[in-house]
Amino acid sequence: MKTLLLFSLLLLIGILSSLSLTATNIIIFKYPGNVIILDCSSKVVFIPKCVTHIEVNVSYVNNGCCRIILSRLPANISFIYRPQGVIKFSEPFNSKIIIELPYCTKIEYINTPPLSFNISNGKIFMTFYSGNVTILYYINEQNRNNIIYNPFLYLSIISTVGSIMIIYKIMKGRSKIEVQTQEIDERDKKIIEAIKSGADNLTKIAELSSLPRTTVYRRVKKLVSLGIINEIRENGKVRYEIKGDKNEKGK
């Protein structure tokens, strides 16, 4: 009885240790077909078909049956795999499989739901913990290049923004002219004529325009804000002149 219990205990320890070892396998697929297997826990490694350029850090034997036999462990393996739209990996030992594909990838079919699915740095990352993974995918390289590298897209954006800015400036100028035309009335015209006649302060403008001083003050401030007349402060005094009047006199 004791012998049977001891044998069962040793068998259980062996099974658990083998599971813990096989769980350390990490298989990484990187588009367009680079595959890396890290920390192999079995000397027999199954690889998919259409594999080229196998590199192993230990000696191995390739028996031509989609598997290689390693001379010792641990070992790291890398090879080039041409999936052509299909990633299929059958591994009799439980392994952690990480699939890395571009963001523009369209997944058509997955036989086993992934443990995790993340998008980071323009790439899709899928993690599986299974010995049998099949993925059908499609990568539209043309669309990705057109979106990122198409110069006509940037030219169209620049031309559109430029057109909007030109239209905005034209409309802004028209609105300013319309505001000036609408807000200038007969009293404003009297003030403008008084300034043209030589009245350069509020008192003289009020005398020549026959308008109250308070009215002249408000109207002059409005004409200054509209950019029709200039307000000049010199030696503690304020005088007014028609905008551009000096340039016209100089001519």
C-alpha atoms as a PDB file:
ATOM      1  CA  MET A   1       0.000   0.000   0.000  1.00  0.00           C
ATOM      2  CA  LYS A   2       2.783   2.406   0.921  1.00  0.00           C
ATOM      3  CA  THR A   3       4.618   1.490  -2.270  1.00  0.00           C
ATOM      4  CA  LEU A   4       1.499   2.256  -4.328  1.00  0.00           C
ATOM      5  CA  LEU A   5       1.022   5.619  -2.621  1.00  0.00           C
ATOM      6  CA  LEU A   6       4.688   6.496  -3.147  1.00  0.00           C
ATOM      7  CA  PHE A   7       4.479   5.518  -6.811  1.00  0.00           C
ATOM      8  CA  SER A   8       1.307   7.613  -7.259  1.00  0.00           C
ATOM      9  CA  LEU A   9       2.952  10.596  -5.582  1.00  0.00           C
ATOM     10  CA  LEU A  10       6.022  10.352  -7.803  1.00  0.00           C
ATOM     11  CA  LEU A  11       3.814  10.034 -10.877  1.00  0.00           C
ATOM     12  CA  LEU A  12       1.820  13.121  -9.856  1.00  0.00           C
ATOM     13  CA  ILE A  13       5.018  15.115  -9.279  1.00  0.00           C
ATOM     14  CA  GLY A  14       6.282  14.055 -12.692  1.00  0.00           C
ATOM     15  CA  ILE A  15       3.070  15.130 -14.389  1.00  0.00           C
ATOM     16  CA  LEU A  16       3.024  18.505 -12.627  1.00  0.00           C
ATOM     17  CA  SER A  17       6.679  19.133 -13.401  1.00  0.00           C
ATOM     18  CA  SER A  18       6.145  18.280 -17.065  1.00  0.00           C
ATOM     19  CA  LEU A  19       3.161  20.627 -17.223  1.00  0.00           C
ATOM     20  CA  SER A  20       5.151  23.421 -15.627  1.00  0.00           C
ATOM     21  CA  LEU A  21       7.939  22.881 -18.126  1.00  0.00           C
ATOM     22  CA  THR A  22       5.700  22.792 -21.166  1.00  0.00           C
ATOM     23  CA  ALA A  23       3.944  25.935 -20.011  1.00  0.00           C
ATOM     24  CA  THR A  24       7.177  27.883 -20.499  1.00  0.00           C
ATOM     25  CA  ASN A  25       7.038  27.555 -24.293  1.00  0.00           C
ATOM     26  CA  ILE A  26       6.465  30.941 -25.926  1.00  0.00           C
ATOM     27  CA  ILE A  27       5.809  30.971 -29.664  1.00  0.00           C
ATOM     28  CA  ILE A  28       5.783  34.419 -31.283  1.00  0.00           C
ATOM     29  CA  PHE A  29       4.508  35.064 -34.823  1.00  0.00           C
ATOM     30  CA  LYS A  30       5.556  38.418 -36.294  1.00  0.00           C
ATOM     31  CA  TYR A  31       4.275  39.555 -39.671  1.00  0.00           C
ATOM     32  CA  PRO A  32       5.375  38.952 -42.436  1.00  0.00           C
ATOM     33  CA  GLY A  33       6.322  35.524 -41.139  1.00  0.00           C
ATOM     34  CA  ASN A  34       9.102  35.632 -38.561  1.00  0.00           C
ATOM     35  CA  VAL A  35       8.527  33.048 -35.834  1.00  0.00           C
ATOM     36  CA  ILE A  36      10.407  32.766 -32.551  1.00  0.00           C
ATOM     37  CA  ILE A  37      10.073  29.922 -30.054  1.00  0.00           C
ATOM     38  CA  LEU A  38      11.585  30.723 -26.670  1.00  0.00           C
ATOM     39  CA  ASP A  39      12.474  28.386 -23.802  1.00  0.00           C
ATOM     40  CA  CYS A  40      11.557  25.114 -25.436  1.00  0.00           C
ATOM     41  CA  SER A  41      10.592  22.493 -22.887  1.00  0.00           C
ATOM     42  CA  SER A  42      10.657  19.537 -25.265  1.00  0.00           C
ATOM     43  CA  LYS A  43      13.431  18.290 -27.508  1.00  0.00           C
ATOM     44  CA  VAL A  44      10.851  17.558 -30.201  1.00  0.00           C
ATOM     45  CA  VAL A  45       9.505  20.787 -31.713  1.00  0.00           C
ATOM     46  CA  PHE A  46       6.746  20.734 -34.319  1.00  0.00           C
ATOM     47  CA  ILE A  47       6.898  23.504 -36.918  1.00  0.00           C
ATOM     48  CA  PRO A  48       4.455  24.387 -39.719  1.00  0.00           C
ATOM     49  CA  LYS A  49       5.086  23.792 -43.400  1.00  0.00           C
ATOM     50  CA  CYS A  50       6.663  26.384 -45.737  1.00  0.00           C
ATOM     51  CA  VAL A  51       9.399  27.137 -43.207  1.00  0.00           C
ATOM     52  CA  THR A  52      12.821  28.434 -44.266  1.00  0.00           C
ATOM     53  CA  HIS A  53      15.994  29.708 -42.593  1.00  0.00           C
ATOM     54  CA  ILE A  54      15.724  27.790 -39.333  1.00  0.00           C
ATOM     55  CA  GLU A  55      18.100  29.087 -36.656  1.00  0.00           C
ATOM     56  CA  VAL A  56      18.655  27.257 -33.363  1.00  0.00           C
ATOM     57  CA  ASN A  57      21.192  28.050 -30.652  1.00  0.00           C
ATOM     58  CA  VAL A  58      21.847  24.322 -30.122  1.00  0.00           C
ATOM     59  CA  SER A  59      22.425  21.457 -32.527  1.00  0.00           C
ATOM     60  CA  TYR A  60      19.346  19.711 -33.899  1.00  0.00           C
ATOM     61  CA  VAL A  61      18.132  17.129 -36.405  1.00  0.00           C
ATOM     62  CA  ASN A  62      15.455  17.874 -39.003  1.00  0.00           C
ATOM     63  CA  ASN A  63      13.676  14.641 -39.896  1.00  0.00           C
ATOM     64  CA  GLY A  64      11.601  16.246 -42.650  1.00  0.00           C
ATOM     65  CA  CYS A  65       8.252  15.625 -40.939  1.00  0.00           C
ATOM     66  CA  CYS A  66       7.520  19.212 -39.863  1.00  0.00           C
ATOM     67  CA  ARG A  67       9.490  18.767 -36.688  1.00  0.00           C
ATOM     68  CA  ILE A  68      13.029  19.102 -35.418  1.00  0.00           C
ATOM     69  CA  ILE A  69      14.754  17.191 -32.630  1.00  0.00           C
ATOM     70  CA  LEU A  70      16.955  19.279 -30.357  1.00  0.00           C
ATOM     71  CA  SER A  71      20.164  17.964 -28.847  1.00  0.00           C
ATOM     72  CA  ARG A  72      19.621  19.648 -25.478  1.00  0.00           C
ATOM     73  CA  LEU A  73      17.469  22.082 -23.535  1.00  0.00           C
ATOM     74  CA  PRO A  74      16.760  24.902 -23.058  1.00  0.00           C
ATOM     75  CA  ALA A  75      16.874  26.113 -26.645  1.00  0.00           C
ATOM     76  CA  ASN A  76      15.701  29.110 -28.644  1.00  0.00           C
ATOM     77  CA  ILE A  77      14.440  28.643 -32.190  1.00  0.00           C
ATOM     78  CA  SER A  78      13.625  31.150 -34.919  1.00  0.00           C
ATOM     79  CA  PHE A  79      12.559  30.631 -38.511  1.00  0.00           C
ATOM     80  CA  ILE A  80      10.835  32.361 -41.418  1.00  0.00           C
ATOM     81  CA  TYR A  81       7.285  31.243 -42.026  1.00  0.00           C
ATOM     82  CA  ARG A  82       5.291  32.240 -45.120  1.00  0.00           C
ATOM     83  CA  PRO A  83       1.693  31.890 -43.971  1.00  0.00           C
ATOM     84  CA  GLN A  84       0.138  33.651 -47.035  1.00  0.00           C
ATOM     85  CA  GLY A  85      -2.983  34.632 -45.157  1.00  0.00           C
ATOM     86  CA  VAL A  86      -3.088  31.549 -42.934  1.00  0.00           C
ATOM     87  CA  ILE A  87      -1.343  31.017 -39.615  1.00  0.00           C
ATOM     88  CA  LYS A  88      -1.628  27.402 -38.554  1.00  0.00           C
ATOM     89  CA  PHE A  89       0.347  25.878 -35.744  1.00  0.00           C
ATOM     90  CA  SER A  90      -0.141  22.416 -34.270  1.00  0.00           C
ATOM     91  CA  GLU A  91       1.922  21.775 -31.174  1.00  0.00           C
ATOM     92  CA  PRO A  92       1.226  18.683 -29.049  1.00  0.00           C
ATOM     93  CA  PHE A  93       2.601  20.462 -25.987  1.00  0.00           C
ATOM     94  CA  ASN A  94       0.766  23.337 -24.336  1.00  0.00           C
ATOM     95  CA  SER A  95       2.441  26.589 -25.328  1.00  0.00           C
ATOM     96  CA  LYS A  96       1.866  30.297 -25.051  1.00  0.00           C
ATOM     97  CA  ILE A  97       1.411  31.608 -28.591  1.00  0.00           C
ATOM     98  CA  ILE A  98       1.588  35.334 -29.389  1.00  0.00           C
ATOM     99  CA  ILE A  99       0.411  36.536 -32.817  1.00  0.00           C
ATOM    100  CA  GLU A 100       1.595  39.993 -33.930  1.00  0.00           C
ATOM    101  CA  LEU A 101       0.003  41.509 -37.063  1.00  0.00           C
ATOM    102  CA  PRO A 102      -0.315  45.030 -38.546  1.00  0.00           C
ATOM    103  CA  TYR A 103      -3.303  47.167 -37.541  1.00  0.00           C
ATOM    104  CA  CYS A 104      -4.724  47.027 -41.101  1.00  0.00           C
ATOM    105  CA  THR A 105      -5.214  43.247 -40.756  1.00  0.00           C
ATOM    106  CA  LYS A 106      -8.708  41.869 -41.260  1.00  0.00           C
ATOM    107  CA  ILE A 107      -9.248  38.663 -39.290  1.00  0.00           C
ATOM    108  CA  GLU A 108     -11.433  36.253 -41.271  1.00  0.00           C
ATOM    109  CA  TYR A 109     -11.377  33.209 -38.985  1.00  0.00           C
ATOM    110  CA  ILE A 110      -9.956  32.047 -35.644  1.00  0.00           C
ATOM    111  CA  ASN A 111     -10.529  28.481 -34.513  1.00  0.00           C
ATOM    112  CA  THR A 112      -9.678  29.175 -30.866  1.00  0.00           C
ATOM    113  CA  PRO A 113     -10.735  32.343 -28.994  1.00  0.00           C
ATOM    114  CA  PRO A 114      -7.642  34.268 -27.845  1.00  0.00           C
ATOM    115  CA  LEU A 115      -6.920  34.809 -24.178  1.00  0.00           C
ATOM    116  CA  SER A 116      -6.151  38.462 -24.905  1.00  0.00           C
ATOM    117  CA  PHE A 117      -6.553  40.852 -27.832  1.00  0.00           C
ATOM    118  CA  ASN A 118      -4.733  44.197 -27.743  1.00  0.00           C
ATOM    119  CA  ILE A 119      -3.913  46.984 -30.203  1.00  0.00           C
ATOM    120  CA  SER A 120      -0.743  48.963 -29.535  1.00  0.00           C
ATOM    121  CA  ASN A 121       1.729  50.973 -31.660  1.00  0.00           C
ATOM    122  CA  GLY A 122      -0.156  50.234 -34.874  1.00  0.00           C
ATOM    123  CA  LYS A 123      -0.133  46.466 -34.303  1.00  0.00           C
ATOM    124  CA  ILE A 124      -2.575  43.772 -33.231  1.00  0.00           C
ATOM    125  CA  PHE A 125      -1.479  41.390 -30.483  1.00  0.00           C
ATOM    126  CA  MET A 126      -3.353  38.135 -29.828  1.00  0.00           C
ATOM    127  CA  THR A 127      -2.334  35.671 -27.136  1.00  0.00           C
ATOM    128  CA  PHE A 128      -3.346  31.997 -27.109  1.00  0.00           C
ATOM    129  CA  TYR A 129      -2.665  29.155 -24.729  1.00  0.00           C
ATOM    130  CA  SER A 130      -3.336  26.209 -26.934  1.00  0.00           C
ATOM    131  CA  GLY A 131      -1.497  23.645 -28.991  1.00  0.00           C
ATOM    132  CA  ASN A 132      -3.714  24.105 -32.053  1.00  0.00           C
ATOM    133  CA  VAL A 133      -4.155  27.585 -33.536  1.00  0.00           C
ATOM    134  CA  THR A 134      -5.497  28.470 -36.984  1.00  0.00           C
ATOM    135  CA  ILE A 135      -6.004  32.069 -38.147  1.00  0.00           C
ATOM    136  CA  LEU A 136      -7.177  33.267 -41.548  1.00  0.00           C
ATOM    137  CA  TYR A 137      -6.352  36.922 -42.149  1.00  0.00           C
ATOM    138  CA  TYR A 138      -6.088  39.556 -44.865  1.00  0.00           C
ATOM    139  CA  ILE A 139      -3.711  42.534 -44.893  1.00  0.00           C
ATOM    140  CA  ASN A 140      -4.566  45.434 -47.195  1.00  0.00           C
ATOM    141  CA  GLU A 141      -1.111  46.924 -47.703  1.00  0.00           C
ATOM    142  CA  GLN A 142      -2.341  49.197 -50.514  1.00  0.00           C
ATOM    143  CA  ASN A 143      -4.902  50.929 -48.314  1.00  0.00           C
ATOM    144  CA  ARG A 144      -2.366  51.370 -45.533  1.00  0.00           C
ATOM    145  CA  ASN A 145       0.148  52.940 -47.916  1.00  0.00           C
ATOM    146  CA  ASN A 146      -2.488  55.171 -49.485  1.00  0.00           C
ATOM    147  CA  ILE A 147      -3.567  56.502 -46.103  1.00  0.00           C
ATOM    148  CA  ILE A 148      -0.095  57.099 -44.715  1.00  0.00           C
ATOM    149  CA  TYR A 149       2.104  57.847 -47.714  1.00  0.00           C
ATOM    150  CA  ASN A 150      -0.227  59.226 -50.403  1.00  0.00           C
ATOM    151  CA  PRO A 151       0.997  62.783 -51.190  1.00  0.00           C
ATOM    152  CA  PHE A 152      -2.237  63.685 -52.992  1.00  0.00           C
ATOM    153  CA  LEU A 153      -4.119  63.289 -49.717  1.00  0.00           C
ATOM    154  CA  TYR A 154      -1.923  65.908 -48.041  1.00  0.00           C
ATOM    155  CA  LEU A 155      -2.160  68.235 -51.066  1.00  0.00           C
ATOM    156  CA  SER A 156      -5.951  68.036 -51.018  1.00  0.00           C
ATOM    157  CA  ILE A 157      -6.014  68.788 -47.283  1.00  0.00           C
ATOM    158  CA  ILE A 158      -3.686  71.782 -47.704  1.00  0.00           C
ATOM    159  CA  SER A 159      -5.668  73.159 -50.656  1.00  0.00           C
ATOM    160  CA  THR A 160      -8.949  72.762 -48.767  1.00  0.00           C
ATOM    161  CA  VAL A 161      -7.620  74.565 -45.700  1.00  0.00           C
ATOM    162  CA  GLY A 162      -6.161  77.325 -47.897  1.00  0.00           C
ATOM    163  CA  SER A 163      -9.469  77.807 -49.712  1.00  0.00           C
ATOM    164  CA  ILE A 164     -11.338  78.045 -46.414  1.00  0.00           C
ATOM    165  CA  MET A 165      -8.894  80.688 -45.131  1.00  0.00           C
ATOM    166  CA  ILE A 166      -9.209  82.768 -48.327  1.00  0.00           C
ATOM    167  CA  ILE A 167     -13.017  82.623 -48.225  1.00  0.00           C
ATOM    168  CA  TYR A 168     -12.960  83.566 -44.537  1.00  0.00           C
ATOM    169  CA  LYS A 169     -10.772  86.617 -45.182  1.00  0.00           C
ATOM    170  CA  ILE A 170     -12.962  87.744 -48.086  1.00  0.00           C
ATOM    171  CA  MET A 171     -16.148  87.396 -46.044  1.00  0.00           C
ATOM    172  CA  LYS A 172     -14.546  89.133 -43.077  1.00  0.00           C
ATOM    173  CA  GLY A 173     -13.500  92.075 -45.267  1.00  0.00           C
ATOM    174  CA  ARG A 174     -16.967  92.354 -46.779  1.00  0.00           C
ATOM    175  CA  SER A 175     -18.638  92.260 -43.381  1.00  0.00           C
ATOM    176  CA  LYS A 176     -16.322  95.003 -42.128  1.00  0.00           C
ATOM    177  CA  ILE A 177     -17.171  97.220 -45.104  1.00  0.00           C
ATOM    178  CA  GLU A 178     -20.880  96.549 -44.631  1.00  0.00           C
ATOM    179  CA  VAL A 179     -20.676  97.387 -40.912  1.00  0.00           C
ATOM    180  CA  GLN A 180     -18.865 100.628 -41.647  1.00  0.00           C
ATOM    181  CA  THR A 181     -21.373 101.595 -44.343  1.00  0.00           C
ATOM    182  CA  GLN A 182     -24.371 100.795 -42.180  1.00  0.00           C
ATOM    183  CA  GLU A 183     -23.122 102.497 -39.003  1.00  0.00           C
ATOM    184  CA  ILE A 184     -22.033 105.808 -40.560  1.00  0.00           C
ATOM    185  CA  ASP A 185     -24.951 108.256 -40.615  1.00  0.00           C
ATOM    186  CA  GLU A 186     -25.365 111.998 -41.271  1.00  0.00           C
ATOM    187  CA  ARG A 187     -23.947 113.024 -37.885  1.00  0.00           C
ATOM    188  CA  ASP A 188     -20.846 110.910 -38.483  1.00  0.00           C
ATOM    189  CA  LYS A 189     -20.421 112.533 -41.889  1.00  0.00           C
ATOM    190  CA  LYS A 190     -20.614 115.997 -40.301  1.00  0.00           C
ATOM    191  CA  ILE A 191     -17.846 115.032 -37.868  1.00  0.00           C
ATOM    192  CA  ILE A 192     -15.697 113.668 -40.692  1.00  0.00           C
ATOM    193  CA  GLU A 193     -16.184 116.860 -42.728  1.00  0.00           C
ATOM    194  CA  ALA A 194     -15.328 118.991 -39.672  1.00  0.00           C
ATOM    195  CA  ILE A 195     -12.062 117.102 -39.165  1.00  0.00           C
ATOM    196  CA  LYS A 196     -11.243 117.449 -42.864  1.00  0.00           C
ATOM    197  CA  SER A 197     -11.831 121.195 -42.499  1.00  0.00           C
ATOM    198  CA  GLY A 198      -9.139 121.420 -39.805  1.00  0.00           C
ATOM    199  CA  ALA A 199     -10.996 120.731 -36.541  1.00  0.00           C
ATOM    200  CA  ASP A 200      -8.626 118.480 -34.609  1.00  0.00           C
ATOM    201  CA  ASN A 201     -10.171 118.405 -31.109  1.00  0.00           C
ATOM    202  CA  LEU A 202     -13.609 117.820 -29.639  1.00  0.00           C
ATOM    203  CA  THR A 203     -14.373 121.509 -29.070  1.00  0.00           C
ATOM    204  CA  LYS A 204     -13.582 122.552 -32.649  1.00  0.00           C
ATOM    205  CA  ILE A 205     -15.382 119.524 -34.087  1.00  0.00           C
ATOM    206  CA  ALA A 206     -18.500 120.366 -32.050  1.00  0.00           C
ATOM    207  CA  GLU A 207     -18.409 124.001 -33.266  1.00  0.00           C
ATOM    208  CA  LEU A 208     -18.007 123.145 -36.966  1.00  0.00           C
ATOM    209  CA  SER A 209     -20.504 120.272 -36.955  1.00  0.00           C
ATOM    210  CA  SER A 210     -23.077 122.113 -34.774  1.00  0.00           C
ATOM    211  CA  LEU A 211     -23.441 118.978 -32.656  1.00  0.00           C
ATOM    212  CA  PRO A 212     -23.435 118.676 -28.852  1.00  0.00           C
ATOM    213  CA  ARG A 213     -20.035 117.909 -27.352  1.00  0.00           C
ATOM    214  CA  THR A 214     -21.309 114.683 -25.744  1.00  0.00           C
ATOM    215  CA  THR A 215     -22.594 113.486 -29.118  1.00  0.00           C
ATOM    216  CA  VAL A 216     -19.301 114.407 -30.768  1.00  0.00           C
ATOM    217  CA  TYR A 217     -17.385 112.486 -28.100  1.00  0.00           C
ATOM    218  CA  ARG A 218     -19.396 109.262 -28.646  1.00  0.00           C
ATOM    219  CA  ARG A 219     -19.291 109.543 -32.432  1.00  0.00           C
ATOM    220  CA  VAL A 220     -15.552 110.224 -32.534  1.00  0.00           C
ATOM    221  CA  LYS A 221     -14.860 107.156 -30.371  1.00  0.00           C
ATOM    222  CA  LYS A 222     -16.982 105.066 -32.738  1.00  0.00           C
ATOM    223  CA  LEU A 223     -15.173 106.383 -35.826  1.00  0.00           C
ATOM    224  CA  VAL A 224     -11.831 105.637 -34.157  1.00  0.00           C
ATOM    225  CA  SER A 225     -12.924 102.037 -33.450  1.00  0.00           C
ATOM    226  CA  LEU A 226     -14.011 101.678 -37.087  1.00  0.00           C
ATOM    227  CA  GLY A 227     -10.586 102.844 -38.233  1.00  0.00           C
ATOM    228  CA  ILE A 228     -11.885 105.914 -40.083  1.00  0.00           C
ATOM    229  CA  ILE A 229     -10.090 108.526 -37.980  1.00  0.00           C
ATOM    230  CA  ASN A 230      -6.937 108.411 -35.858  1.00  0.00           C
ATOM    231  CA  GLU A 231      -6.667 109.513 -32.240  1.00  0.00           C
ATOM    232  CA  ILE A 232      -3.235 111.040 -31.583  1.00  0.00           C
ATOM    233  CA  ARG A 233      -1.958 111.884 -28.096  1.00  0.00           C
ATOM    234  CA  GLU A 234       0.934 114.356 -27.887  1.00  0.00           C
ATOM    235  CA  ASN A 235       2.203 116.361 -24.903  1.00  0.00           C
ATOM    236  CA  GLY A 236      -0.865 115.535 -22.838  1.00  0.00           C
ATOM    237  CA  LYS A 237      -3.251 116.661 -25.575  1.00  0.00           C
ATOM    238  CA  VAL A 238      -5.512 114.659 -27.866  1.00  0.00           C
ATOM    239  CA  ARG A 239      -6.138 115.495 -31.494  1.00  0.00           C
ATOM    240  CA  TYR A 240      -7.916 113.753 -34.344  1.00  0.00           C
ATOM    241  CA  GLU A 241      -7.275 113.395 -38.053  1.00  0.00           C
ATOM    242  CA  ILE A 242      -8.685 111.395 -40.931  1.00  0.00           C
ATOM    243  CA  LYS A 243      -6.846 108.124 -41.356  1.00  0.00           C
ATOM    244  CA  GLY A 244      -4.367 108.383 -44.222  1.00  0.00           C
ATOM    245  CA  ASP A 245      -4.834 112.145 -44.464  1.00  0.00           C
ATOM    246  CA  LYS A 246      -1.115 112.799 -43.844  1.00  0.00           C
ATOM    247  CA  ASN A 247      -0.092 110.463 -46.635  1.00  0.00           C
ATOM    248  CA  GLU A 248      -2.498 112.128 -49.030  1.00  0.00           C
ATOM    249  CA  LYS A 249      -1.180 115.596 -48.102  1.00  0.00           C
ATOM    250  CA  GLY A 250       2.401 114.404 -48.493  1.00  0.00           C
ATOM    251  CA  LYS A 251       1.633 113.285 -52.027  1.00  0.00           C
END
